[in-house]
C-alpha atoms as a PDB file:
ATOM      1  CA  MET A   1      -3.846  11.450 -33.094  1.00  0.00           C
ATOM      2  CA  ALA A   2      -4.506   8.026 -31.711  1.00  0.00           C
ATOM      3  CA  THR A   3      -1.567   6.616 -30.149  1.00  0.00           C
ATOM      4  CA  PRO A   4      -0.761   3.336 -28.504  1.00  0.00           C
ATOM      5  CA  PRO A   5      -0.664   2.648 -24.705  1.00  0.00           C
ATOM      6  CA  THR A   6       2.736   3.041 -23.282  1.00  0.00           C
ATOM      7  CA  ALA A   7       5.161   0.619 -22.188  1.00  0.00           C
ATOM      8  CA  GLU A   8       6.712   1.562 -18.678  1.00  0.00           C
ATOM      9  CA  LEU A   9      10.517   1.549 -18.897  1.00  0.00           C
ATOM     10  CA  ASP A  10      13.196   2.270 -16.097  1.00  0.00           C
ATOM     11  CA  ALA A  11      16.148   3.278 -18.087  1.00  0.00           C
ATOM     12  CA  HIS A  12      19.695   4.194 -17.009  1.00  0.00           C
ATOM     13  CA  PRO A  13      22.884   5.154 -19.091  1.00  0.00           C
ATOM     14  CA  LEU A  14      26.258   4.901 -18.136  1.00  0.00           C
ATOM     15  CA  SER A  15      29.498   5.695 -19.671  1.00  0.00           C
ATOM     16  CA  HIS A  16      33.176   5.662 -18.242  1.00  0.00           C
ATOM     17  CA  VAL A  17      36.406   6.725 -20.073  1.00  0.00           C
ATOM     18  CA  GLY A  18      37.840   3.444 -19.561  1.00  0.00           C
ATOM     19  CA  ASN A  19      41.425   2.297 -18.617  1.00  0.00           C
ATOM     20  CA  VAL A  20      43.425   3.211 -21.655  1.00  0.00           C
ATOM     21  CA  ARG A  21      41.776   6.286 -23.382  1.00  0.00           C
ATOM     22  CA  ALA A  22      42.653  10.002 -22.452  1.00  0.00           C
ATOM     23  CA  ASP A  23      39.232  11.184 -23.225  1.00  0.00           C
ATOM     24  CA  ASN A  24      35.460   9.713 -23.671  1.00  0.00           C
ATOM     25  CA  GLN A  25      34.291   9.716 -27.073  1.00  0.00           C
ATOM     26  CA  ASP A  26      31.059   7.414 -26.608  1.00  0.00           C
ATOM     27  CA  ALA A  27      27.789  10.059 -26.075  1.00  0.00           C
ATOM     28  CA  LEU A  28      24.368   8.646 -24.741  1.00  0.00           C
ATOM     29  CA  ASN A  29      21.088  10.470 -25.392  1.00  0.00           C
ATOM     30  CA  ALA A  30      17.605   9.936 -25.135  1.00  0.00           C
ATOM     31  CA  SER A  31      14.464  11.769 -25.614  1.00  0.00           C
ATOM     32  CA  LEU A  32      10.595  11.022 -24.604  1.00  0.00           C
ATOM     33  CA  PHE A  33       7.684  11.416 -26.950  1.00  0.00           C
ATOM     34  CA  PRO A  34       4.575  11.558 -24.792  1.00  0.00           C
ATOM     35  CA  ASP A  35       2.422  12.427 -27.850  1.00  0.00           C
ATOM     36  CA  GLN A  36       3.228   9.140 -29.514  1.00  0.00           C
ATOM     37  CA  ALA A  37       3.805   7.119 -26.381  1.00  0.00           C
ATOM     38  CA  GLY A  38       7.173   6.803 -27.342  1.00  0.00           C
ATOM     39  CA  ALA A  39      10.840   6.687 -26.261  1.00  0.00           C
ATOM     40  CA  LEU A  40      14.283   6.845 -27.608  1.00  0.00           C
ATOM     41  CA  TYR A  41      17.503   5.758 -26.605  1.00  0.00           C
ATOM     42  CA  ALA A  42      20.803   5.927 -28.495  1.00  0.00           C
ATOM     43  CA  VAL A  43      24.516   5.705 -28.276  1.00  0.00           C
ATOM     44  CA  ALA A  44      27.248   6.750 -30.376  1.00  0.00           C
ATOM     45  CA  ASP A  45      30.649   6.070 -30.399  1.00  0.00           C
ATOM     46  CA  GLY A  46      33.285   8.489 -32.202  1.00  0.00           C
ATOM     47  CA  MET A  47      35.774   6.867 -34.043  1.00  0.00           C
ATOM     48  CA  GLY A  48      38.923   6.807 -31.682  1.00  0.00           C
ATOM     49  CA  GLY A  49      41.503   6.982 -34.677  1.00  0.00           C
ATOM     50  CA  TYR A  50      40.237   9.885 -36.125  1.00  0.00           C
ATOM     51  CA  GLU A  51      40.033  13.807 -34.989  1.00  0.00           C
ATOM     52  CA  HIS A  52      37.103  14.993 -33.047  1.00  0.00           C
ATOM     53  CA  GLY A  53      35.147  11.676 -32.257  1.00  0.00           C
ATOM     54  CA  GLY A  54      33.686  12.948 -29.159  1.00  0.00           C
ATOM     55  CA  ILE A  55      32.182  15.901 -31.368  1.00  0.00           C
ATOM     56  CA  ALA A  56      30.967  13.414 -34.233  1.00  0.00           C
ATOM     57  CA  SER A  57      29.101  11.229 -31.419  1.00  0.00           C
ATOM     58  CA  ALA A  58      27.468  14.080 -29.835  1.00  0.00           C
ATOM     59  CA  VAL A  59      26.206  16.007 -32.848  1.00  0.00           C
ATOM     60  CA  ALA A  60      25.439  12.646 -34.289  1.00  0.00           C
ATOM     61  CA  LEU A  61      22.586  12.207 -31.535  1.00  0.00           C
ATOM     62  CA  GLU A  62      21.647  15.902 -31.058  1.00  0.00           C
ATOM     63  CA  THR A  63      20.768  15.648 -34.369  1.00  0.00           C
ATOM     64  CA  LEU A  64      18.984  12.443 -34.492  1.00  0.00           C
ATOM     65  CA  ILE A  65      16.689  13.399 -31.771  1.00  0.00           C
ATOM     66  CA  ALA A  66      15.705  16.944 -33.346  1.00  0.00           C
ATOM     67  CA  THR A  67      15.008  15.415 -37.052  1.00  0.00           C
ATOM     68  CA  LEU A  68      12.989  12.383 -34.935  1.00  0.00           C
ATOM     69  CA  SER A  69      11.253  15.148 -33.127  1.00  0.00           C
ATOM     70  CA  ALA A  70      10.155  16.938 -36.258  1.00  0.00           C
ATOM     71  CA  GLN A  71       9.213  14.206 -38.298  1.00  0.00           C
ATOM     72  CA  LEU A  72       6.961  12.325 -35.721  1.00  0.00           C
ATOM     73  CA  ALA A  73       5.427  15.854 -34.815  1.00  0.00           C
ATOM     74  CA  SER A  74       4.094  16.000 -38.478  1.00  0.00           C
ATOM     75  CA  GLN A  75       2.476  12.575 -38.392  1.00  0.00           C
ATOM     76  CA  THR A  76      -1.239  12.598 -38.285  1.00  0.00           C
ATOM     77  CA  MET A  77      -1.356   8.864 -37.714  1.00  0.00           C
ATOM     78  CA  LEU A  78       1.507   7.149 -36.261  1.00  0.00           C
ATOM     79  CA  GLN A  79       2.438   3.653 -37.661  1.00  0.00           C
ATOM     80  CA  ALA A  80       5.519   1.293 -37.728  1.00  0.00           C
ATOM     81  CA  ASN A  81       6.429   2.609 -41.231  1.00  0.00           C
ATOM     82  CA  SER A  82       6.193   6.094 -39.917  1.00  0.00           C
ATOM     83  CA  ILE A  83       8.522   5.495 -36.959  1.00  0.00           C
ATOM     84  CA  GLU A  84      11.062   3.684 -39.512  1.00  0.00           C
ATOM     85  CA  GLN A  85      11.070   6.596 -42.025  1.00  0.00           C
ATOM     86  CA  ALA A  86      11.483   8.820 -39.017  1.00  0.00           C
ATOM     87  CA  LEU A  87      14.569   7.155 -37.771  1.00  0.00           C
ATOM     88  CA  ARG A  88      16.187   6.655 -41.498  1.00  0.00           C
ATOM     89  CA  ARG A  89      15.727  10.395 -41.908  1.00  0.00           C
ATOM     90  CA  GLY A  90      17.178  11.017 -38.542  1.00  0.00           C
ATOM     91  CA  VAL A  91      20.354   8.831 -39.092  1.00  0.00           C
ATOM     92  CA  GLN A  92      20.837  10.339 -42.590  1.00  0.00           C
ATOM     93  CA  ASP A  93      20.661  13.882 -40.943  1.00  0.00           C
ATOM     94  CA  ALA A  94      22.788  13.103 -38.450  1.00  0.00           C
ATOM     95  CA  ASN A  95      25.419  11.534 -41.018  1.00  0.00           C
ATOM     96  CA  VAL A  96      25.399  14.801 -43.164  1.00  0.00           C
ATOM     97  CA  ARG A  97      25.678  17.128 -40.004  1.00  0.00           C
ATOM     98  CA  VAL A  98      28.718  15.209 -39.077  1.00  0.00           C
ATOM     99  CA  TYR A  99      30.145  15.284 -42.286  1.00  0.00           C
ATOM    100  CA  GLN A 100      29.793  19.323 -42.477  1.00  0.00           C
ATOM    101  CA  GLU A 101      31.212  19.259 -38.743  1.00  0.00           C
ATOM    102  CA  ALA A 102      34.355  17.586 -40.382  1.00  0.00           C
ATOM    103  CA  VAL A 103      34.168  19.723 -43.247  1.00  0.00           C
ATOM    104  CA  ARG A 104      34.105  22.745 -40.952  1.00  0.00           C
ATOM    105  CA  LEU A 105      36.727  21.888 -38.391  1.00  0.00           C
ATOM    106  CA  ASN A 106      38.816  20.575 -41.501  1.00  0.00           C
ATOM    107  CA  ALA A 107      38.904  16.831 -39.768  1.00  0.00           C
ATOM    108  CA  ARG A 108      38.459  13.609 -40.553  1.00  0.00           C
ATOM    109  CA  MET A 109      36.198  12.279 -37.839  1.00  0.00           C
ATOM    110  CA  GLY A 110      33.061   9.903 -37.914  1.00  0.00           C
ATOM    111  CA  THR A 111      30.943   7.965 -35.136  1.00  0.00           C
ATOM    112  CA  THR A 112      28.858   4.700 -35.136  1.00  0.00           C
ATOM    113  CA  LEU A 113      25.203   5.097 -34.267  1.00  0.00           C
ATOM    114  CA  THR A 114      22.689   2.647 -32.684  1.00  0.00           C
ATOM    115  CA  ALA A 115      19.148   3.904 -31.405  1.00  0.00           C
ATOM    116  CA  ALA A 116      16.505   2.146 -29.872  1.00  0.00           C
ATOM    117  CA  TYR A 117      12.637   3.810 -30.443  1.00  0.00           C
ATOM    118  CA  ILE A 118      10.350   2.016 -28.309  1.00  0.00           C
ATOM    119  CA  THR A 119       6.591   2.537 -28.569  1.00  0.00           C
ATOM    120  CA  GLY A 120       4.018   0.006 -27.043  1.00  0.00           C
ATOM    121  CA  ALA A 121       5.249  -3.508 -27.612  1.00  0.00           C
ATOM    122  CA  THR A 122       7.520  -2.778 -30.318  1.00  0.00           C
ATOM    123  CA  LEU A 123      11.556  -2.133 -30.625  1.00  0.00           C
ATOM    124  CA  HIS A 124      12.423  -0.376 -33.753  1.00  0.00           C
ATOM    125  CA  LEU A 125      16.339  -0.208 -34.156  1.00  0.00           C
ATOM    126  CA  ALA A 126      18.303   2.037 -36.600  1.00  0.00           C
ATOM    127  CA  HIS A 127      21.860   1.121 -36.447  1.00  0.00           C
ATOM    128  CA  VAL A 128      25.165   2.222 -38.152  1.00  0.00           C
ATOM    129  CA  GLY A 129      28.677   0.667 -37.227  1.00  0.00           C
ATOM    130  CA  ASP A 130      29.539  -1.635 -34.403  1.00  0.00           C
ATOM    131  CA  SER A 131      27.772  -0.544 -31.262  1.00  0.00           C
ATOM    132  CA  ARG A 132      25.431  -3.265 -30.691  1.00  0.00           C
ATOM    133  CA  ALA A 133      21.868  -3.803 -29.198  1.00  0.00           C
ATOM    134  CA  TYR A 134      20.992  -6.706 -27.153  1.00  0.00           C
ATOM    135  CA  LEU A 135      17.449  -8.020 -25.800  1.00  0.00           C
ATOM    136  CA  ILE A 136      17.848 -10.230 -22.901  1.00  0.00           C
ATOM    137  CA  ARG A 137      14.787 -12.535 -22.284  1.00  0.00           C
ATOM    138  CA  LYS A 138      14.739 -15.466 -20.036  1.00  0.00           C
ATOM    139  CA  GLY A 139      18.167 -15.177 -19.050  1.00  0.00           C
ATOM    140  CA  LYS A 140      19.576 -15.426 -22.841  1.00  0.00           C
ATOM    141  CA  ALA A 141      20.978 -12.535 -24.566  1.00  0.00           C
ATOM    142  CA  SER A 142      20.120 -11.916 -28.294  1.00  0.00           C
ATOM    143  CA  CYS A 143      22.406  -9.693 -30.707  1.00  0.00           C
ATOM    144  CA  LEU A 144      19.969  -7.468 -32.486  1.00  0.00           C
ATOM    145  CA  THR A 145      22.322  -5.617 -34.765  1.00  0.00           C
ATOM    146  CA  ASN A 146      25.381  -6.671 -37.371  1.00  0.00           C
ATOM    147  CA  ASP A 147      28.580  -5.276 -36.987  1.00  0.00           C
ATOM    148  CA  HIS A 148      29.463  -3.073 -39.693  1.00  0.00           C
ATOM    149  CA  THR A 149      32.982  -4.614 -40.088  1.00  0.00           C
ATOM    150  CA  GLY A 150      35.004  -6.499 -42.193  1.00  0.00           C
ATOM    151  CA  VAL A 151      34.843  -8.907 -39.382  1.00  0.00           C
ATOM    152  CA  GLY A 152      31.357  -9.006 -39.330  1.00  0.00           C
ATOM    153  CA  GLU A 153      31.126  -9.708 -43.036  1.00  0.00           C
ATOM    154  CA  MET A 154      33.319 -12.471 -42.562  1.00  0.00           C
ATOM    155  CA  VAL A 155      30.918 -13.759 -39.378  1.00  0.00           C
ATOM    156  CA  ARG A 156      27.679 -13.504 -41.896  1.00  0.00           C
ATOM    157  CA  ALA A 157      29.493 -15.359 -44.733  1.00  0.00           C
ATOM    158  CA  ARG A 158      30.315 -17.959 -42.320  1.00  0.00           C
ATOM    159  CA  ILE A 159      33.964 -17.689 -42.675  1.00  0.00           C
ATOM    160  CA  LEU A 160      34.847 -16.596 -39.257  1.00  0.00           C
ATOM    161  CA  SER A 161      33.296 -18.190 -36.195  1.00  0.00           C
ATOM    162  CA  PRO A 162      30.881 -15.365 -34.083  1.00  0.00           C
ATOM    163  CA  ASP A 163      33.122 -16.558 -30.985  1.00  0.00           C
ATOM    164  CA  LYS A 164      36.479 -15.111 -32.853  1.00  0.00           C
ATOM    165  CA  VAL A 165      35.102 -11.753 -33.298  1.00  0.00           C
ATOM    166  CA  ARG A 166      36.289 -10.075 -29.855  1.00  0.00           C
ATOM    167  CA  THR A 167      39.813 -11.153 -30.227  1.00  0.00           C
ATOM    168  CA  HIS A 168      40.189 -10.506 -34.101  1.00  0.00           C
ATOM    169  CA  ALA A 169      42.843  -7.755 -34.807  1.00  0.00           C
ATOM    170  CA  GLN A 170      40.763  -6.097 -37.171  1.00  0.00           C
ATOM    171  CA  ARG A 171      37.739  -6.182 -35.061  1.00  0.00           C
ATOM    172  CA  SER A 172      37.109  -2.459 -35.022  1.00  0.00           C
ATOM    173  CA  VAL A 173      37.585  -1.388 -38.547  1.00  0.00           C
ATOM    174  CA  LEU A 174      34.460  -0.328 -39.626  1.00  0.00           C
ATOM    175  CA  ASN A 175      33.104  -0.418 -43.245  1.00  0.00           C
ATOM    176  CA  ARG A 176      29.960   1.585 -42.537  1.00  0.00           C
ATOM    177  CA  CYS A 177      29.760   4.768 -40.029  1.00  0.00           C
ATOM    178  CA  LEU A 178      28.259   8.284 -40.067  1.00  0.00           C
ATOM    179  CA  GLY A 179      30.403  11.206 -41.281  1.00  0.00           C
ATOM    180  CA  LEU A 180      32.771  10.069 -43.589  1.00  0.00           C
ATOM    181  CA  GLU A 181      30.381  10.187 -46.704  1.00  0.00           C
ATOM    182  CA  LEU A 182      27.579  12.373 -47.676  1.00  0.00           C
ATOM    183  CA  PHE A 183      25.188   9.063 -47.991  1.00  0.00           C
ATOM    184  CA  ILE A 184      24.667   6.458 -45.421  1.00  0.00           C
ATOM    185  CA  GLN A 185      22.478   3.341 -45.219  1.00  0.00           C
ATOM    186  CA  PRO A 186      21.484   2.409 -41.846  1.00  0.00           C
ATOM    187  CA  GLU A 187      20.348  -1.032 -40.822  1.00  0.00           C
ATOM    188  CA  ILE A 188      16.315  -0.655 -39.769  1.00  0.00           C
ATOM    189  CA  SER A 189      14.481  -3.267 -38.063  1.00  0.00           C
ATOM    190  CA  ARG A 190      11.782  -4.112 -35.616  1.00  0.00           C
ATOM    191  CA  VAL A 191      11.260  -6.489 -32.737  1.00  0.00           C
ATOM    192  CA  SER A 192       8.176  -7.376 -30.494  1.00  0.00           C
ATOM    193  CA  ILE A 193       9.328  -6.912 -26.599  1.00  0.00           C
ATOM    194  CA  SER A 194       7.291  -8.172 -23.614  1.00  0.00           C
ATOM    195  CA  SER A 195       7.116  -7.443 -20.127  1.00  0.00           C
ATOM    196  CA  GLY A 196      10.260  -8.465 -18.370  1.00  0.00           C
ATOM    197  CA  ASP A 197      12.701  -7.914 -21.301  1.00  0.00           C
ATOM    198  CA  VAL A 198      15.901  -6.046 -20.876  1.00  0.00           C
ATOM    199  CA  ILE A 199      17.022  -3.973 -23.684  1.00  0.00           C
ATOM    200  CA  VAL A 200      21.173  -2.928 -23.575  1.00  0.00           C
ATOM    201  CA  LEU A 201      22.663  -0.688 -26.067  1.00  0.00           C
ATOM    202  CA  CYS A 202      26.620  -0.709 -25.876  1.00  0.00           C
ATOM    203  CA  SER A 203      29.517   0.659 -27.267  1.00  0.00           C
ATOM    204  CA  ASP A 204      32.015  -1.754 -28.451  1.00  0.00           C
ATOM    205  CA  GLY A 205      34.297  -1.057 -25.486  1.00  0.00           C
ATOM    206  CA  LEU A 206      31.633  -2.931 -23.637  1.00  0.00           C
ATOM    207  CA  TRP A 207      30.501  -5.664 -25.683  1.00  0.00           C
ATOM    208  CA  SER A 208      34.374  -6.838 -26.554  1.00  0.00           C
ATOM    209  CA  ALA A 209      35.281  -7.203 -23.170  1.00  0.00           C
ATOM    210  CA  VAL A 210      31.913  -8.895 -22.143  1.00  0.00           C
ATOM    211  CA  GLU A 211      30.655 -11.980 -23.443  1.00  0.00           C
ATOM    212  CA  ASP A 212      27.264 -12.387 -24.669  1.00  0.00           C
ATOM    213  CA  ASP A 213      26.559 -14.980 -21.899  1.00  0.00           C
ATOM    214  CA  ASP A 214      27.757 -12.543 -19.231  1.00  0.00           C
ATOM    215  CA  ILE A 215      25.756  -9.682 -20.481  1.00  0.00           C
ATOM    216  CA  ALA A 216      22.538 -12.232 -20.223  1.00  0.00           C
ATOM    217  CA  ALA A 217      24.063 -12.926 -16.633  1.00  0.00           C
ATOM    218  CA  LEU A 218      24.558  -9.481 -15.316  1.00  0.00           C
ATOM    219  CA  ALA A 219      21.085  -8.283 -16.946  1.00  0.00           C
ATOM    220  CA  ASP A 220      19.296  -9.630 -14.429  1.00  0.00           C
ATOM    221  CA  ASP A 221      15.373  -8.625 -15.353  1.00  0.00           C
ATOM    222  CA  ARG A 222      14.477  -8.099 -11.175  1.00  0.00           C
ATOM    223  CA  ALA A 223      17.461  -5.582 -10.709  1.00  0.00           C
ATOM    224  CA  SER A 224      16.931  -1.849 -11.447  1.00  0.00           C
ATOM    225  CA  ALA A 225      18.312  -0.453 -14.830  1.00  0.00           C
ATOM    226  CA  GLU A 226      21.150   1.635 -12.861  1.00  0.00           C
ATOM    227  CA  SER A 227      22.422  -1.421 -11.187  1.00  0.00           C
ATOM    228  CA  ILE A 228      22.701  -3.621 -14.641  1.00  0.00           C
ATOM    229  CA  SER A 229      24.590  -0.455 -16.274  1.00  0.00           C
ATOM    230  CA  GLU A 230      26.542  -0.240 -13.401  1.00  0.00           C
ATOM    231  CA  ARG A 231      27.653  -4.308 -13.260  1.00  0.00           C
ATOM    232  CA  LEU A 232      28.144  -4.362 -17.224  1.00  0.00           C
ATOM    233  CA  VAL A 233      30.546  -1.172 -16.973  1.00  0.00           C
ATOM    234  CA  ALA A 234      32.096  -2.499 -13.959  1.00  0.00           C
ATOM    235  CA  ARG A 235      32.466  -5.925 -16.099  1.00  0.00           C
ATOM    236  CA  ALA A 236      34.346  -4.548 -19.039  1.00  0.00           C
ATOM    237  CA  LEU A 237      36.489  -2.537 -17.090  1.00  0.00           C
ATOM    238  CA  ALA A 238      37.795  -5.584 -14.811  1.00  0.00           C
ATOM    239  CA  ASN A 239      38.031  -7.661 -18.220  1.00  0.00           C
ATOM    240  CA  ASP A 240      40.846  -4.732 -19.134  1.00  0.00           C
ATOM    241  CA  SER A 241      38.502  -3.074 -22.235  1.00  0.00           C
ATOM    242  CA  ASP A 242      40.935  -1.119 -24.137  1.00  0.00           C
ATOM    243  CA  ASP A 243      38.278   1.482 -25.008  1.00  0.00           C
ATOM    244  CA  ASN A 244      35.712   3.568 -23.437  1.00  0.00           C
ATOM    245  CA  VAL A 245      32.631   1.739 -22.116  1.00  0.00           C
ATOM    246  CA  SER A 246      29.218   2.715 -22.373  1.00  0.00           C
ATOM    247  CA  ALA A 247      25.494   1.118 -21.847  1.00  0.00           C
ATOM    248  CA  TRP A 248      22.115   2.222 -21.932  1.00  0.00           C
ATOM    249  CA  THR A 249      20.274  -0.374 -20.352  1.00  0.00           C
ATOM    250  CA  ILE A 250      16.224  -0.330 -20.597  1.00  0.00           C
ATOM    251  CA  CYS A 251      13.928  -2.687 -18.459  1.00  0.00           C
ATOM    252  CA  ALA A 252      10.577  -3.253 -19.803  1.00  0.00           C
ATOM    253  CA  ARG A 253       8.877  -3.376 -16.419  1.00  0.00           C
ATOM    254  CA  TYR A 254       5.153  -3.591 -18.258  1.00  0.00           C
ATOM    255  CA  VAL A 255       4.668  -3.884 -21.881  1.00  0.00           C
ATOM    256  CA  PRO A 256       0.967  -3.527 -23.028  1.00  0.00           C
ATOM    257  CA  GLU A 257      -0.574  -6.821 -24.714  1.00  0.00           C
ATOM    258  CA  ALA A 258      -2.221  -6.817 -28.100  1.00  0.00           C
ATOM    259  CA  ALA A 259      -5.307  -6.579 -27.163  1.00  0.00           C
ATOM    260  CA  ALA A 260      -4.621  -3.308 -24.998  1.00  0.00           C
ATOM    261  CA  LEU A 261      -2.845  -1.917 -27.973  1.00  0.00           C
ATOM    262  CA  VAL A 262      -6.205  -2.058 -29.978  1.00  0.00           C
ATOM    263  CA  ALA A 263      -8.618  -1.034 -27.307  1.00  0.00           C
ATOM    264  CA  ALA A 264      -6.805   1.789 -25.268  1.00  0.00           C
ATOM    265  CA  LYS A 265      -7.488   5.137 -25.959  1.00  0.00           C
ATOM    266  CA  ARG A 266      -6.339   7.281 -22.963  1.00  0.00           C
ATOM    267  CA  TRP A 267      -3.050   6.696 -20.860  1.00  0.00           C
ATOM    268  CA  SER A 268      -0.400   8.556 -19.008  1.00  0.00           C
ATOM    269  CA  PHE A 269       3.495   8.453 -20.113  1.00  0.00           C
ATOM    270  CA  PRO A 270       6.066   7.555 -17.260  1.00  0.00           C
ATOM    271  CA  ALA A 271       9.230   9.419 -17.510  1.00  0.00           C
ATOM    272  CA  LEU A 272      11.528   6.838 -16.372  1.00  0.00           C
ATOM    273  CA  LEU A 273      14.849   8.491 -17.420  1.00  0.00           C
ATOM    274  CA  ARG A 274      17.830   8.771 -14.822  1.00  0.00           C
ATOM    275  CA  GLY A 275      21.337   8.923 -15.569  1.00  0.00           C
ATOM    276  CA  ARG A 276      24.898   9.933 -14.973  1.00  0.00           C
ATOM    277  CA  SER A 277      28.462   9.755 -16.616  1.00  0.00           C
ATOM    278  CA  HIS A 278      31.573   8.962 -15.228  1.00  0.00           C
ATOM    279  CA  ALA A 279      34.851  10.006 -16.457  1.00  0.00           C
ATOM    280  CA  GLY A 280      36.978   7.537 -14.114  1.00  0.00           C
END
């Protein structure tokens, strides 16, 4: 199977229980797909008001990775549509698995899920809930996902200004998440990336306490992914985030140009995954 040349990525996850919570219900996970020259990074935030949120987030990411691995391995020719179909199936399977686990435990639980699959010069996103994906390019942060909340709907309807979201009393009330119903409709999208871009996946405990401009300033493309994750989490804690705080930082050190994507036949896949989790 022909595959595109890989991007060279420096990635680092960091999660902190935060200043208020007794336990960490966020989960971070990743998987490399050497045969497809791709890498998956994902964050999930278990619903803090429900039981077993930590189980929900961990189960969701484990299921997503298992399904994606099976789906991509079965492809004879990998195309953008194939990846997006695999991501959609992965999110749907994760939703069912969390729902089944809730039934087994006789508990009501759910989770957000935001996943980034990077191959060549393309970032594919699968998203449910209010965790976010940011693209930082040339000192500016762009949010690539929509918050699946009532407040998010108000912003999209231009009833509420985006700068009012972080302080809104109903900011965390989700209208779409994994695990509460048997069917889910994930938001699937794709964007092109370039060398020097920084991608940040984060739970709402981070973005609710750190403004977009500050995310851009902290995600300096000259810094390591580890340093950026540490800066972002530290800033959220210093700004009195009232939730678990998690960030995946992915620095695109090199992204192949379009000509290389067409012409290249063989390459290596560097595994640049390092990470740790802090509990306090």
